[in-house]
């Protein structure tokens, strides 16, 4: 895919989604709606109604992000780097708290 909604993929990496997390046997291990960003999985809702609220909340953040970019907050964020150059992601079930 070269672009997502007209934005080149080198500028924006869109998530994929899943409904529920499953164990090796195919059974549901954690219910919910999850967004996947590369190796990171984030539980965002339990229901479609909750997911729609999440999407609306994310959309409403665009104005605040634009304000922060104009005020130079982004310049400060670019200087914040983990000592080893990365932050290890850990997958945790939002319902049971177990590491996945």
PDB file of N, CA and C in Angstrom:
ATOM      1  N   UNK A   1       0.843  -1.160   0.000  1.00  0.00           N
ATOM      2  CA  UNK A   1       0.000   0.000   0.000  1.00  0.00           C
ATOM      3  C   UNK A   1       0.900   1.240   0.000  1.00  0.00           C
ATOM      4  N   UNK A   2       0.659   2.145  -0.939  1.00  0.00           N
ATOM      5  CA  UNK A   2       1.476   3.352  -1.064  1.00  0.00           C
ATOM      6  C   UNK A   2       0.965   4.505  -0.231  1.00  0.00           C
ATOM      7  N   UNK A   3      -0.356   4.498   0.039  1.00  0.00           N
ATOM      8  CA  UNK A   3      -0.904   5.589   0.845  1.00  0.00           C
ATOM      9  C   UNK A   3      -2.105   5.102   1.643  1.00  0.00           C
ATOM     10  N   UNK A   4      -2.434   5.854   2.677  1.00  0.00           N
ATOM     11  CA  UNK A   4      -3.605   5.584   3.509  1.00  0.00           C
ATOM     12  C   UNK A   4      -4.416   6.870   3.507  1.00  0.00           C
ATOM     13  N   UNK A   5      -5.593   6.822   2.912  1.00  0.00           N
ATOM     14  CA  UNK A   5      -6.448   8.007   2.794  1.00  0.00           C
ATOM     15  C   UNK A   5      -5.708   9.180   2.164  1.00  0.00           C
ATOM     16  N   UNK A   6      -4.859   8.887   1.185  1.00  0.00           N
ATOM     17  CA  UNK A   6      -4.146   9.925   0.464  1.00  0.00           C
ATOM     18  C   UNK A   6      -2.861  10.403   1.111  1.00  0.00           C
ATOM     19  N   UNK A   7      -2.503   9.868   2.280  1.00  0.00           N
ATOM     20  CA  UNK A   7      -1.271  10.250   2.970  1.00  0.00           C
ATOM     21  C   UNK A   7      -0.236   9.153   2.709  1.00  0.00           C
ATOM     22  N   UNK A   8       0.971   9.500   2.211  1.00  0.00           N
ATOM     23  CA  UNK A   8       1.993   8.485   1.938  1.00  0.00           C
ATOM     24  C   UNK A   8       2.322   7.664   3.191  1.00  0.00           C
ATOM     25  N   UNK A   9       2.566   6.371   3.009  1.00  0.00           N
ATOM     26  CA  UNK A   9       2.819   5.494   4.152  1.00  0.00           C
ATOM     27  C   UNK A   9       4.143   5.781   4.856  1.00  0.00           C
ATOM     28  N   UNK A  10       5.040   6.563   4.256  1.00  0.00           N
ATOM     29  CA  UNK A  10       6.248   6.936   4.992  1.00  0.00           C
ATOM     30  C   UNK A  10       5.957   8.082   5.972  1.00  0.00           C
ATOM     31  N   UNK A  11       4.769   8.679   5.869  1.00  0.00           N
ATOM     32  CA  UNK A  11       4.363   9.772   6.756  1.00  0.00           C
ATOM     33  C   UNK A  11       3.377   9.304   7.827  1.00  0.00           C
ATOM     34  N   UNK A  12       2.634   8.278   7.522  1.00  0.00           N
ATOM     35  CA  UNK A  12       1.587   7.798   8.443  1.00  0.00           C
ATOM     36  C   UNK A  12       1.498   6.283   8.379  1.00  0.00           C
ATOM     37  N   UNK A  13       1.549   5.657   9.528  1.00  0.00           N
ATOM     38  CA  UNK A  13       1.400   4.208   9.624  1.00  0.00           C
ATOM     39  C   UNK A  13       0.059   3.909  10.281  1.00  0.00           C
ATOM     40  N   UNK A  14      -0.889   3.460   9.503  1.00  0.00           N
ATOM     41  CA  UNK A  14      -2.216   3.187  10.030  1.00  0.00           C
ATOM     42  C   UNK A  14      -2.264   1.875  10.785  1.00  0.00           C
ATOM     43  N   UNK A  15      -3.172   1.797  11.757  1.00  0.00           N
ATOM     44  CA  UNK A  15      -3.304   0.568  12.531  1.00  0.00           C
ATOM     45  C   UNK A  15      -4.176  -0.460  11.813  1.00  0.00           C
ATOM     46  N   UNK A  16      -4.092  -1.692  12.275  1.00  0.00           N
ATOM     47  CA  UNK A  16      -5.061  -2.719  11.933  1.00  0.00           C
ATOM     48  C   UNK A  16      -5.854  -2.967  13.212  1.00  0.00           C
ATOM     49  N   UNK A  17      -6.877  -3.800  13.149  1.00  0.00           N
ATOM     50  CA  UNK A  17      -7.678  -4.057  14.348  1.00  0.00           C
ATOM     51  C   UNK A  17      -7.976  -5.534  14.491  1.00  0.00           C
ATOM     52  N   UNK A  18      -8.384  -5.900  15.690  1.00  0.00           N
ATOM     53  CA  UNK A  18      -8.880  -7.253  15.920  1.00  0.00           C
ATOM     54  C   UNK A  18     -10.005  -7.186  16.943  1.00  0.00           C
ATOM     55  N   UNK A  19     -10.867  -8.167  16.854  1.00  0.00           N
ATOM     56  CA  UNK A  19     -11.932  -8.331  17.834  1.00  0.00           C
ATOM     57  C   UNK A  19     -11.521  -9.500  18.713  1.00  0.00           C
ATOM     58  N   UNK A  20     -11.322  -9.229  19.983  1.00  0.00           N
ATOM     59  CA  UNK A  20     -10.889 -10.224  20.973  1.00  0.00           C
ATOM     60  C   UNK A  20      -9.452 -10.700  20.701  1.00  0.00           C
ATOM     61  N   UNK A  21      -8.798 -11.139  21.733  1.00  0.00           N
ATOM     62  CA  UNK A  21      -7.501 -11.800  21.613  1.00  0.00           C
ATOM     63  C   UNK A  21      -7.747 -13.281  21.841  1.00  0.00           C
ATOM     64  N   UNK A  22      -7.017 -14.101  21.142  1.00  0.00           N
ATOM     65  CA  UNK A  22      -7.251 -15.541  21.192  1.00  0.00           C
ATOM     66  C   UNK A  22      -6.006 -16.275  21.671  1.00  0.00           C
ATOM     67  N   UNK A  23      -6.225 -17.391  22.358  1.00  0.00           N
ATOM     68  CA  UNK A  23      -5.103 -18.213  22.790  1.00  0.00           C
ATOM     69  C   UNK A  23      -4.683 -19.148  21.662  1.00  0.00           C
ATOM     70  N   UNK A  24      -3.685 -19.969  21.914  1.00  0.00           N
ATOM     71  CA  UNK A  24      -3.160 -20.858  20.870  1.00  0.00           C
ATOM     72  C   UNK A  24      -4.179 -21.867  20.359  1.00  0.00           C
ATOM     73  N   UNK A  25      -5.166 -22.182  21.207  1.00  0.00           N
ATOM     74  CA  UNK A  25      -6.195 -23.141  20.802  1.00  0.00           C
ATOM     75  C   UNK A  25      -7.329 -22.481  20.027  1.00  0.00           C
ATOM     76  N   UNK A  26      -7.267 -21.147  19.864  1.00  0.00           N
ATOM     77  CA  UNK A  26      -8.308 -20.435  19.133  1.00  0.00           C
ATOM     78  C   UNK A  26      -9.423 -19.899  20.004  1.00  0.00           C
ATOM     79  N   UNK A  27      -9.372 -20.181  21.302  1.00  0.00           N
ATOM     80  CA  UNK A  27     -10.384 -19.662  22.215  1.00  0.00           C
ATOM     81  C   UNK A  27     -10.109 -18.207  22.567  1.00  0.00           C
ATOM     82  N   UNK A  28     -11.151 -17.508  22.962  1.00  0.00           N
ATOM     83  CA  UNK A  28     -11.010 -16.105  23.345  1.00  0.00           C
ATOM     84  C   UNK A  28     -10.305 -16.028  24.688  1.00  0.00           C
ATOM     85  N   UNK A  29      -9.192 -15.282  24.731  1.00  0.00           N
ATOM     86  CA  UNK A  29      -8.468 -15.098  25.988  1.00  0.00           C
ATOM     87  C   UNK A  29      -8.787 -13.744  26.618  1.00  0.00           C
ATOM     88  N   UNK A  30      -9.053 -12.733  25.798  1.00  0.00           N
ATOM     89  CA  UNK A  30      -9.393 -11.396  26.296  1.00  0.00           C
ATOM     90  C   UNK A  30     -10.382 -10.760  25.325  1.00  0.00           C
ATOM     91  N   UNK A  31     -11.564 -10.400  25.818  1.00  0.00           N
ATOM     92  CA  UNK A  31     -12.568  -9.773  24.964  1.00  0.00           C
ATOM     93  C   UNK A  31     -12.260  -8.296  24.775  1.00  0.00           C
ATOM     94  N   UNK A  32     -12.630  -7.772  23.622  1.00  0.00           N
ATOM     95  CA  UNK A  32     -12.484  -6.346  23.383  1.00  0.00           C
ATOM     96  C   UNK A  32     -12.168  -6.047  21.935  1.00  0.00           C
ATOM     97  N   UNK A  33     -12.050  -4.755  21.655  1.00  0.00           N
ATOM     98  CA  UNK A  33     -11.651  -4.264  20.339  1.00  0.00           C
ATOM     99  C   UNK A  33     -10.250  -3.704  20.500  1.00  0.00           C
ATOM    100  N   UNK A  34      -9.326  -4.210  19.695  1.00  0.00           N
ATOM    101  CA  UNK A  34      -7.906  -3.881  19.819  1.00  0.00           C
ATOM    102  C   UNK A  34      -7.403  -3.218  18.548  1.00  0.00           C
ATOM    103  N   UNK A  35      -6.513  -2.231  18.709  1.00  0.00           N
ATOM    104  CA  UNK A  35      -5.796  -1.653  17.579  1.00  0.00           C
ATOM    105  C   UNK A  35      -4.367  -2.159  17.627  1.00  0.00           C
ATOM    106  N   UNK A  36      -3.821  -2.502  16.468  1.00  0.00           N
ATOM    107  CA  UNK A  36      -2.465  -3.020  16.349  1.00  0.00           C
ATOM    108  C   UNK A  36      -1.619  -2.005  15.586  1.00  0.00           C
ATOM    109  N   UNK A  37      -0.553  -1.541  16.212  1.00  0.00           N
ATOM    110  CA  UNK A  37       0.426  -0.652  15.584  1.00  0.00           C
ATOM    111  C   UNK A  37       1.738  -1.413  15.579  1.00  0.00           C
ATOM    112  N   UNK A  38       2.058  -2.082  14.491  1.00  0.00           N
ATOM    113  CA  UNK A  38       3.254  -2.912  14.460  1.00  0.00           C
ATOM    114  C   UNK A  38       3.142  -4.008  15.513  1.00  0.00           C
ATOM    115  N   UNK A  39       4.107  -4.065  16.449  1.00  0.00           N
ATOM    116  CA  UNK A  39       4.100  -5.072  17.511  1.00  0.00           C
ATOM    117  C   UNK A  39       3.296  -4.656  18.731  1.00  0.00           C
ATOM    118  N   UNK A  40       2.753  -3.452  18.723  1.00  0.00           N
ATOM    119  CA  UNK A  40       2.018  -2.932  19.876  1.00  0.00           C
ATOM    120  C   UNK A  40       0.525  -3.168  19.673  1.00  0.00           C
ATOM    121  N   UNK A  41      -0.122  -3.730  20.685  1.00  0.00           N
ATOM    122  CA  UNK A  41      -1.561  -3.977  20.647  1.00  0.00           C
ATOM    123  C   UNK A  41      -2.188  -3.184  21.786  1.00  0.00           C
ATOM    124  N   UNK A  42      -3.200  -2.381  21.456  1.00  0.00           N
ATOM    125  CA  UNK A  42      -3.846  -1.535  22.451  1.00  0.00           C
ATOM    126  C   UNK A  42      -5.332  -1.861  22.491  1.00  0.00           C
ATOM    127  N   UNK A  43      -5.810  -2.197  23.673  1.00  0.00           N
ATOM    128  CA  UNK A  43      -7.248  -2.416  23.837  1.00  0.00           C
ATOM    129  C   UNK A  43      -7.896  -1.041  23.944  1.00  0.00           C
ATOM    130  N   UNK A  44      -8.825  -0.743  23.030  1.00  0.00           N
ATOM    131  CA  UNK A  44      -9.438   0.574  23.015  1.00  0.00           C
ATOM    132  C   UNK A  44     -10.897   0.570  23.449  1.00  0.00           C
ATOM    133  N   UNK A  45     -11.558  -0.570  23.442  1.00  0.00           N
ATOM    134  CA  UNK A  45     -12.970  -0.598  23.816  1.00  0.00           C
ATOM    135  C   UNK A  45     -13.446  -2.032  24.018  1.00  0.00           C
ATOM    136  N   UNK A  46     -14.597  -2.130  24.646  1.00  0.00           N
ATOM    137  CA  UNK A  46     -15.265  -3.427  24.778  1.00  0.00           C
ATOM    138  C   UNK A  46     -16.396  -3.583  23.769  1.00  0.00           C
ATOM    139  N   UNK A  47     -16.951  -2.445  23.310  1.00  0.00           N
ATOM    140  CA  UNK A  47     -18.111  -2.474  22.423  1.00  0.00           C
ATOM    141  C   UNK A  47     -17.883  -1.557  21.221  1.00  0.00           C
ATOM    142  N   UNK A  48     -18.718  -1.708  20.204  1.00  0.00           N
ATOM    143  CA  UNK A  48     -18.656  -0.817  19.050  1.00  0.00           C
ATOM    144  C   UNK A  48     -18.941   0.614  19.487  1.00  0.00           C
ATOM    145  N   UNK A  49     -19.884   0.797  20.389  1.00  0.00           N
ATOM    146  CA  UNK A  49     -20.183   2.136  20.911  1.00  0.00           C
ATOM    147  C   UNK A  49     -18.936   2.750  21.546  1.00  0.00           C
ATOM    148  N   UNK A  50     -18.224   1.960  22.334  1.00  0.00           N
ATOM    149  CA  UNK A  50     -16.995   2.436  22.952  1.00  0.00           C
ATOM    150  C   UNK A  50     -15.931   2.745  21.927  1.00  0.00           C
ATOM    151  N   UNK A  51     -15.833   1.931  20.875  1.00  0.00           N
ATOM    152  CA  UNK A  51     -14.854   2.187  19.821  1.00  0.00           C
ATOM    153  C   UNK A  51     -15.162   3.493  19.094  1.00  0.00           C
ATOM    154  N   UNK A  52     -16.447   3.729  18.811  1.00  0.00           N
ATOM    155  CA  UNK A  52     -16.835   4.978  18.149  1.00  0.00           C
ATOM    156  C   UNK A  52     -16.477   6.180  19.021  1.00  0.00           C
ATOM    157  N   UNK A  53     -16.661   6.065  20.334  1.00  0.00           N
ATOM    158  CA  UNK A  53     -16.273   7.143  21.249  1.00  0.00           C
ATOM    159  C   UNK A  53     -14.758   7.360  21.209  1.00  0.00           C
ATOM    160  N   UNK A  54     -14.010   6.256  21.140  1.00  0.00           N
ATOM    161  CA  UNK A  54     -12.547   6.352  21.053  1.00  0.00           C
ATOM    162  C   UNK A  54     -12.131   7.064  19.766  1.00  0.00           C
ATOM    163  N   UNK A  55     -12.739   6.692  18.647  1.00  0.00           N
ATOM    164  CA  UNK A  55     -12.409   7.307  17.356  1.00  0.00           C
ATOM    165  C   UNK A  55     -12.720   8.804  17.379  1.00  0.00           C
ATOM    166  N   UNK A  56     -13.836   9.173  17.973  1.00  0.00           N
ATOM    167  CA  UNK A  56     -14.195  10.591  18.079  1.00  0.00           C
ATOM    168  C   UNK A  56     -13.192  11.342  18.953  1.00  0.00           C
ATOM    169  N   UNK A  57     -12.774  10.716  20.044  1.00  0.00           N
ATOM    170  CA  UNK A  57     -11.787  11.337  20.944  1.00  0.00           C
ATOM    171  C   UNK A  57     -10.458  11.557  20.222  1.00  0.00           C
ATOM    172  N   UNK A  58      -9.997  10.547  19.495  1.00  0.00           N
ATOM    173  CA  UNK A  58      -8.742  10.674  18.740  1.00  0.00           C
ATOM    174  C   UNK A  58      -8.863  11.798  17.714  1.00  0.00           C
ATOM    175  N   UNK A  59      -9.987  11.846  17.011  1.00  0.00           N
ATOM    176  CA  UNK A  59     -10.205  12.885  16.020  1.00  0.00           C
ATOM    177  C   UNK A  59     -10.167  14.276  16.648  1.00  0.00           C
ATOM    178  N   UNK A  60     -10.716  14.411  17.841  1.00  0.00           N
ATOM    179  CA  UNK A  60     -10.744  15.714  18.512  1.00  0.00           C
ATOM    180  C   UNK A  60      -9.358  16.167  18.964  1.00  0.00           C
ATOM    181  N   UNK A  61      -8.395  15.263  19.013  1.00  0.00           N
ATOM    182  CA  UNK A  61      -7.040  15.606  19.435  1.00  0.00           C
ATOM    183  C   UNK A  61      -6.269  16.365  18.356  1.00  0.00           C
ATOM    184  N   UNK A  62      -6.736  16.338  17.113  1.00  0.00           N
ATOM    185  CA  UNK A  62      -6.019  16.971  16.002  1.00  0.00           C
ATOM    186  C   UNK A  62      -5.805  18.462  16.241  1.00  0.00           C
ATOM    187  N   UNK A  63      -6.810  19.163  16.748  1.00  0.00           N
ATOM    188  CA  UNK A  63      -6.674  20.600  16.995  1.00  0.00           C
ATOM    189  C   UNK A  63      -5.608  20.881  18.058  1.00  0.00           C
ATOM    190  N   UNK A  64      -5.616  20.097  19.138  1.00  0.00           N
ATOM    191  CA  UNK A  64      -4.610  20.280  20.186  1.00  0.00           C
ATOM    192  C   UNK A  64      -3.204  19.965  19.670  1.00  0.00           C
ATOM    193  N   UNK A  65      -3.088  18.937  18.852  1.00  0.00           N
ATOM    194  CA  UNK A  65      -1.782  18.597  18.271  1.00  0.00           C
ATOM    195  C   UNK A  65      -1.295  19.748  17.389  1.00  0.00           C
ATOM    196  N   UNK A  66      -2.187  20.320  16.574  1.00  0.00           N
ATOM    197  CA  UNK A  66      -1.811  21.452  15.719  1.00  0.00           C
ATOM    198  C   UNK A  66      -1.327  22.630  16.562  1.00  0.00           C
ATOM    199  N   UNK A  67      -2.021  22.915  17.670  1.00  0.00           N
ATOM    200  CA  UNK A  67      -1.608  24.006  18.560  1.00  0.00           C
ATOM    201  C   UNK A  67      -0.232  23.735  19.152  1.00  0.00           C
ATOM    202  N   UNK A  68       0.002  22.503  19.583  1.00  0.00           N
ATOM    203  CA  UNK A  68       1.298  22.146  20.173  1.00  0.00           C
ATOM    204  C   UNK A  68       2.425  22.247  19.153  1.00  0.00           C
ATOM    205  N   UNK A  69       2.151  21.827  17.921  1.00  0.00           N
ATOM    206  CA  UNK A  69       3.166  21.930  16.877  1.00  0.00           C
ATOM    207  C   UNK A  69       3.533  23.391  16.622  1.00  0.00           C
ATOM    208  N   UNK A  70       2.539  24.258  16.628  1.00  0.00           N
ATOM    209  CA  UNK A  70       2.792  25.681  16.392  1.00  0.00           C
ATOM    210  C   UNK A  70       3.535  26.326  17.558  1.00  0.00           C
ATOM    211  N   UNK A  71       3.293  25.845  18.774  1.00  0.00           N
ATOM    212  CA  UNK A  71       3.912  26.470  19.945  1.00  0.00           C
ATOM    213  C   UNK A  71       5.303  25.923  20.249  1.00  0.00           C
ATOM    214  N   UNK A  72       5.757  24.922  19.496  1.00  0.00           N
ATOM    215  CA  UNK A  72       7.100  24.396  19.695  1.00  0.00           C
ATOM    216  C   UNK A  72       7.188  23.222  20.656  1.00  0.00           C
ATOM    217  N   UNK A  73       6.071  22.734  21.142  1.00  0.00           N
ATOM    218  CA  UNK A  73       6.094  21.575  22.047  1.00  0.00           C
ATOM    219  C   UNK A  73       6.711  20.377  21.347  1.00  0.00           C
ATOM    220  N   UNK A  74       6.454  20.235  20.050  1.00  0.00           N
ATOM    221  CA  UNK A  74       6.992  19.095  19.300  1.00  0.00           C
ATOM    222  C   UNK A  74       8.514  19.114  19.293  1.00  0.00           C
ATOM    223  N   UNK A  75       9.110  20.298  19.250  1.00  0.00           N
ATOM    224  CA  UNK A  75      10.576  20.393  19.253  1.00  0.00           C
ATOM    225  C   UNK A  75      11.140  19.816  20.543  1.00  0.00           C
ATOM    226  N   UNK A  76      10.465  20.072  21.670  1.00  0.00           N
ATOM    227  CA  UNK A  76      10.904  19.502  22.946  1.00  0.00           C
ATOM    228  C   UNK A  76      10.763  17.980  22.935  1.00  0.00           C
ATOM    229  N   UNK A  77       9.683  17.482  22.356  1.00  0.00           N
ATOM    230  CA  UNK A  77       9.435  16.042  22.334  1.00  0.00           C
ATOM    231  C   UNK A  77      10.487  15.318  21.504  1.00  0.00           C
ATOM    232  N   UNK A  78      10.971  15.941  20.436  1.00  0.00           N
ATOM    233  CA  UNK A  78      11.972  15.298  19.588  1.00  0.00           C
ATOM    234  C   UNK A  78      13.281  15.076  20.337  1.00  0.00           C
ATOM    235  N   UNK A  79      13.560  15.870  21.348  1.00  0.00           N
ATOM    236  CA  UNK A  79      14.796  15.721  22.107  1.00  0.00           C
ATOM    237  C   UNK A  79      14.684  14.638  23.188  1.00  0.00           C
ATOM    238  N   UNK A  80      13.490  14.143  23.429  1.00  0.00           N
ATOM    239  CA  UNK A  80      13.273  13.130  24.463  1.00  0.00           C
ATOM    240  C   UNK A  80      13.509  11.749  23.846  1.00  0.00           C
ATOM    241  N   UNK A  81      14.639  11.145  24.153  1.00  0.00           N
ATOM    242  CA  UNK A  81      15.014   9.864  23.563  1.00  0.00           C
ATOM    243  C   UNK A  81      15.374   8.894  24.680  1.00  0.00           C
ATOM    244  N   UNK A  82      14.910   7.674  24.563  1.00  0.00           N
ATOM    245  CA  UNK A  82      15.253   6.624  25.524  1.00  0.00           C
ATOM    246  C   UNK A  82      16.756   6.392  25.461  1.00  0.00           C
ATOM    247  N   UNK A  83      17.425   6.173  26.610  1.00  0.00           N
ATOM    248  CA  UNK A  83      18.884   6.007  26.608  1.00  0.00           C
ATOM    249  C   UNK A  83      19.402   4.954  25.625  1.00  0.00           C
ATOM    250  N   UNK A  84      18.644   3.878  25.412  1.00  0.00           N
ATOM    251  CA  UNK A  84      19.088   2.856  24.475  1.00  0.00           C
ATOM    252  C   UNK A  84      18.468   3.025  23.090  1.00  0.00           C
ATOM    253  N   UNK A  85      17.759   4.145  22.887  1.00  0.00           N
ATOM    254  CA  UNK A  85      17.218   4.441  21.572  1.00  0.00           C
ATOM    255  C   UNK A  85      15.874   3.801  21.278  1.00  0.00           C
ATOM    256  N   UNK A  86      15.312   3.075  22.213  1.00  0.00           N
ATOM    257  CA  UNK A  86      14.017   2.455  21.982  1.00  0.00           C
ATOM    258  C   UNK A  86      13.333   2.210  23.318  1.00  0.00           C
ATOM    259  N   UNK A  87      12.054   1.970  23.261  1.00  0.00           N
ATOM    260  CA  UNK A  87      11.301   1.580  24.444  1.00  0.00           C
ATOM    261  C   UNK A  87      10.700   0.221  24.146  1.00  0.00           C
ATOM    262  N   UNK A  88      10.971  -0.744  24.992  1.00  0.00           N
ATOM    263  CA  UNK A  88      10.460  -2.096  24.787  1.00  0.00           C
ATOM    264  C   UNK A  88       8.956  -2.108  25.039  1.00  0.00           C
ATOM    265  N   UNK A  89       8.211  -2.692  24.122  1.00  0.00           N
ATOM    266  CA  UNK A  89       6.771  -2.808  24.316  1.00  0.00           C
ATOM    267  C   UNK A  89       6.451  -4.157  24.951  1.00  0.00           C
ATOM    268  N   UNK A  90       5.472  -4.144  25.818  1.00  0.00           N
ATOM    269  CA  UNK A  90       5.014  -5.355  26.479  1.00  0.00           C
ATOM    270  C   UNK A  90       3.513  -5.434  26.275  1.00  0.00           C
ATOM    271  N   UNK A  91       3.025  -6.586  25.861  1.00  0.00           N
ATOM    272  CA  UNK A  91       1.601  -6.764  25.653  1.00  0.00           C
ATOM    273  C   UNK A  91       0.964  -7.256  26.948  1.00  0.00           C
ATOM    274  N   UNK A  92      -0.013  -6.485  27.448  1.00  0.00           N
ATOM    275  CA  UNK A  92      -0.727  -6.807  28.676  1.00  0.00           C
ATOM    276  C   UNK A  92      -2.218  -6.873  28.351  1.00  0.00           C
ATOM    277  N   UNK A  93      -2.871  -7.896  28.838  1.00  0.00           N
ATOM    278  CA  UNK A  93      -4.316  -8.019  28.655  1.00  0.00           C
ATOM    279  C   UNK A  93      -5.002  -6.971  29.542  1.00  0.00           C
ATOM    280  N   UNK A  94      -5.895  -6.166  28.943  1.00  0.00           N
ATOM    281  CA  UNK A  94      -6.590  -5.133  29.684  1.00  0.00           C
ATOM    282  C   UNK A  94      -7.616  -5.668  30.666  1.00  0.00           C
ATOM    283  N   UNK A  95      -8.056  -6.899  30.482  1.00  0.00           N
ATOM    284  CA  UNK A  95      -9.049  -7.470  31.395  1.00  0.00           C
ATOM    285  C   UNK A  95      -8.407  -8.226  32.551  1.00  0.00           C
ATOM    286  N   UNK A  96      -7.461  -9.104  32.222  1.00  0.00           N
ATOM    287  CA  UNK A  96      -6.892  -9.951  33.266  1.00  0.00           C
ATOM    288  C   UNK A  96      -5.537  -9.464  33.768  1.00  0.00           C
ATOM    289  N   UNK A  97      -4.903  -8.531  33.035  1.00  0.00           N
ATOM    290  CA  UNK A  97      -3.626  -7.985  33.479  1.00  0.00           C
ATOM    291  C   UNK A  97      -2.419  -8.867  33.215  1.00  0.00           C
ATOM    292  N   UNK A  98      -2.624 -10.008  32.579  1.00  0.00           N
ATOM    293  CA  UNK A  98      -1.509 -10.911  32.312  1.00  0.00           C
ATOM    294  C   UNK A  98      -0.721 -10.458  31.086  1.00  0.00           C
ATOM    295  N   UNK A  99       0.588 -10.677  31.123  1.00  0.00           N
ATOM    296  CA  UNK A  99       1.411 -10.371  29.960  1.00  0.00           C
ATOM    297  C   UNK A  99       1.109 -11.377  28.867  1.00  0.00           C
ATOM    298  N   UNK A 100       0.941 -10.880  27.655  1.00  0.00           N
ATOM    299  CA  UNK A 100       0.601 -11.761  26.523  1.00  0.00           C
ATOM    300  C   UNK A 100       1.825 -12.192  25.779  1.00  0.00           C
TER     301      UNK A 100
END
